[in-house]
């Protein structure tokens, strides 16, 4: 029972806010985007979108050049 409690990871919040003396709010990001689920999803969408758009644009370019000859 004690081993199970020790093995559990403590969840830290992603965002941490601080209030300075002049009443301004400072927001710190505690985790890197590749460690969070939403960050991973966004990274995968960006990488997938860039590769697909590049391939589609190359295919369109090949078709346009092939049609002129």
C-alpha atoms as a PDB file:
ATOM      1  CA  UNK A   1       0.000   0.000   0.000  1.00  0.00           C
ATOM      2  CA  UNK A   2       2.789   2.429   0.879  1.00  0.00           C
ATOM      3  CA  UNK A   3       4.651   1.617  -2.355  1.00  0.00           C
ATOM      4  CA  UNK A   4       1.612   2.558  -4.437  1.00  0.00           C
ATOM      5  CA  UNK A   5       1.421   5.970  -2.795  1.00  0.00           C
ATOM      6  CA  UNK A   6       5.117   6.612  -3.381  1.00  0.00           C
ATOM      7  CA  UNK A   7       4.938   5.579  -7.052  1.00  0.00           C
ATOM      8  CA  UNK A   8       2.142   8.011  -7.908  1.00  0.00           C
ATOM      9  CA  UNK A   9       3.356  11.144  -9.643  1.00  0.00           C
ATOM     10  CA  UNK A  10       2.384  14.487  -8.260  1.00  0.00           C
ATOM     11  CA  UNK A  11       0.532  16.576 -10.804  1.00  0.00           C
ATOM     12  CA  UNK A  12       1.851  20.071 -11.094  1.00  0.00           C
ATOM     13  CA  UNK A  13      -0.305  22.773 -12.631  1.00  0.00           C
ATOM     14  CA  UNK A  14       0.557  23.855 -16.148  1.00  0.00           C
ATOM     15  CA  UNK A  15       0.157  27.556 -15.406  1.00  0.00           C
ATOM     16  CA  UNK A  16       1.283  29.327 -12.249  1.00  0.00           C
ATOM     17  CA  UNK A  17       0.209  32.884 -11.508  1.00  0.00           C
ATOM     18  CA  UNK A  18       1.956  35.388  -9.264  1.00  0.00           C
ATOM     19  CA  UNK A  19       0.834  38.829  -8.162  1.00  0.00           C
ATOM     20  CA  UNK A  20       3.624  41.389  -7.909  1.00  0.00           C
ATOM     21  CA  UNK A  21       3.806  44.320  -5.513  1.00  0.00           C
ATOM     22  CA  UNK A  22       2.408  46.710  -8.088  1.00  0.00           C
ATOM     23  CA  UNK A  23      -0.694  44.461  -8.542  1.00  0.00           C
ATOM     24  CA  UNK A  24       0.372  43.108 -11.931  1.00  0.00           C
ATOM     25  CA  UNK A  25      -0.263  39.444 -12.634  1.00  0.00           C
ATOM     26  CA  UNK A  26       2.610  37.321 -13.889  1.00  0.00           C
ATOM     27  CA  UNK A  27       1.874  33.961 -15.513  1.00  0.00           C
ATOM     28  CA  UNK A  28       4.532  31.240 -15.658  1.00  0.00           C
ATOM     29  CA  UNK A  29       4.287  28.077 -17.723  1.00  0.00           C
ATOM     30  CA  UNK A  30       5.503  25.165 -15.624  1.00  0.00           C
ATOM     31  CA  UNK A  31       5.591  22.412 -18.254  1.00  0.00           C
ATOM     32  CA  UNK A  32       6.946  22.328 -21.774  1.00  0.00           C
ATOM     33  CA  UNK A  33       4.376  21.827 -24.549  1.00  0.00           C
ATOM     34  CA  UNK A  34       5.685  18.369 -25.446  1.00  0.00           C
ATOM     35  CA  UNK A  35       4.897  17.143 -21.915  1.00  0.00           C
ATOM     36  CA  UNK A  36       1.202  18.098 -22.035  1.00  0.00           C
ATOM     37  CA  UNK A  37      -1.526  16.356 -24.013  1.00  0.00           C
ATOM     38  CA  UNK A  38      -2.786  19.486 -25.740  1.00  0.00           C
ATOM     39  CA  UNK A  39       0.765  20.504 -26.617  1.00  0.00           C
ATOM     40  CA  UNK A  40       1.428  17.137 -28.237  1.00  0.00           C
ATOM     41  CA  UNK A  41      -1.811  17.316 -30.225  1.00  0.00           C
ATOM     42  CA  UNK A  42      -0.976  20.797 -31.503  1.00  0.00           C
ATOM     43  CA  UNK A  43       2.572  19.742 -32.443  1.00  0.00           C
ATOM     44  CA  UNK A  44       1.273  16.717 -34.357  1.00  0.00           C
ATOM     45  CA  UNK A  45      -1.328  18.829 -36.186  1.00  0.00           C
ATOM     46  CA  UNK A  46       1.305  21.380 -37.212  1.00  0.00           C
ATOM     47  CA  UNK A  47       3.781  18.745 -38.430  1.00  0.00           C
ATOM     48  CA  UNK A  48       1.089  16.765 -40.260  1.00  0.00           C
ATOM     49  CA  UNK A  49      -0.343  19.922 -41.844  1.00  0.00           C
ATOM     50  CA  UNK A  50       3.053  21.103 -43.030  1.00  0.00           C
ATOM     51  CA  UNK A  51       3.916  17.771 -44.666  1.00  0.00           C
ATOM     52  CA  UNK A  52       0.500  17.331 -46.289  1.00  0.00           C
ATOM     53  CA  UNK A  53       0.424  20.908 -47.616  1.00  0.00           C
ATOM     54  CA  UNK A  54       3.924  20.521 -49.020  1.00  0.00           C
ATOM     55  CA  UNK A  55       3.018  17.279 -50.810  1.00  0.00           C
ATOM     56  CA  UNK A  56      -0.234  18.712 -52.178  1.00  0.00           C
ATOM     57  CA  UNK A  57       1.518  21.834 -53.445  1.00  0.00           C
ATOM     58  CA  UNK A  58       4.196  19.722 -55.156  1.00  0.00           C
ATOM     59  CA  UNK A  59       1.553  17.585 -56.875  1.00  0.00           C
ATOM     60  CA  UNK A  60      -0.307  20.711 -58.075  1.00  0.00           C
ATOM     61  CA  UNK A  61       2.969  22.205 -59.338  1.00  0.00           C
ATOM     62  CA  UNK A  62       3.834  19.009 -61.244  1.00  0.00           C
ATOM     63  CA  UNK A  63       0.375  18.959 -62.846  1.00  0.00           C
ATOM     64  CA  UNK A  64       0.636  22.630 -63.877  1.00  0.00           C
ATOM     65  CA  UNK A  65       4.119  22.182 -65.368  1.00  0.00           C
ATOM     66  CA  UNK A  66       3.073  18.968 -67.109  1.00  0.00           C
ATOM     67  CA  UNK A  67       0.072  20.690 -68.673  1.00  0.00           C
ATOM     68  CA  UNK A  68       2.182  23.457 -70.248  1.00  0.00           C
ATOM     69  CA  UNK A  69       4.468  21.073 -72.100  1.00  0.00           C
END
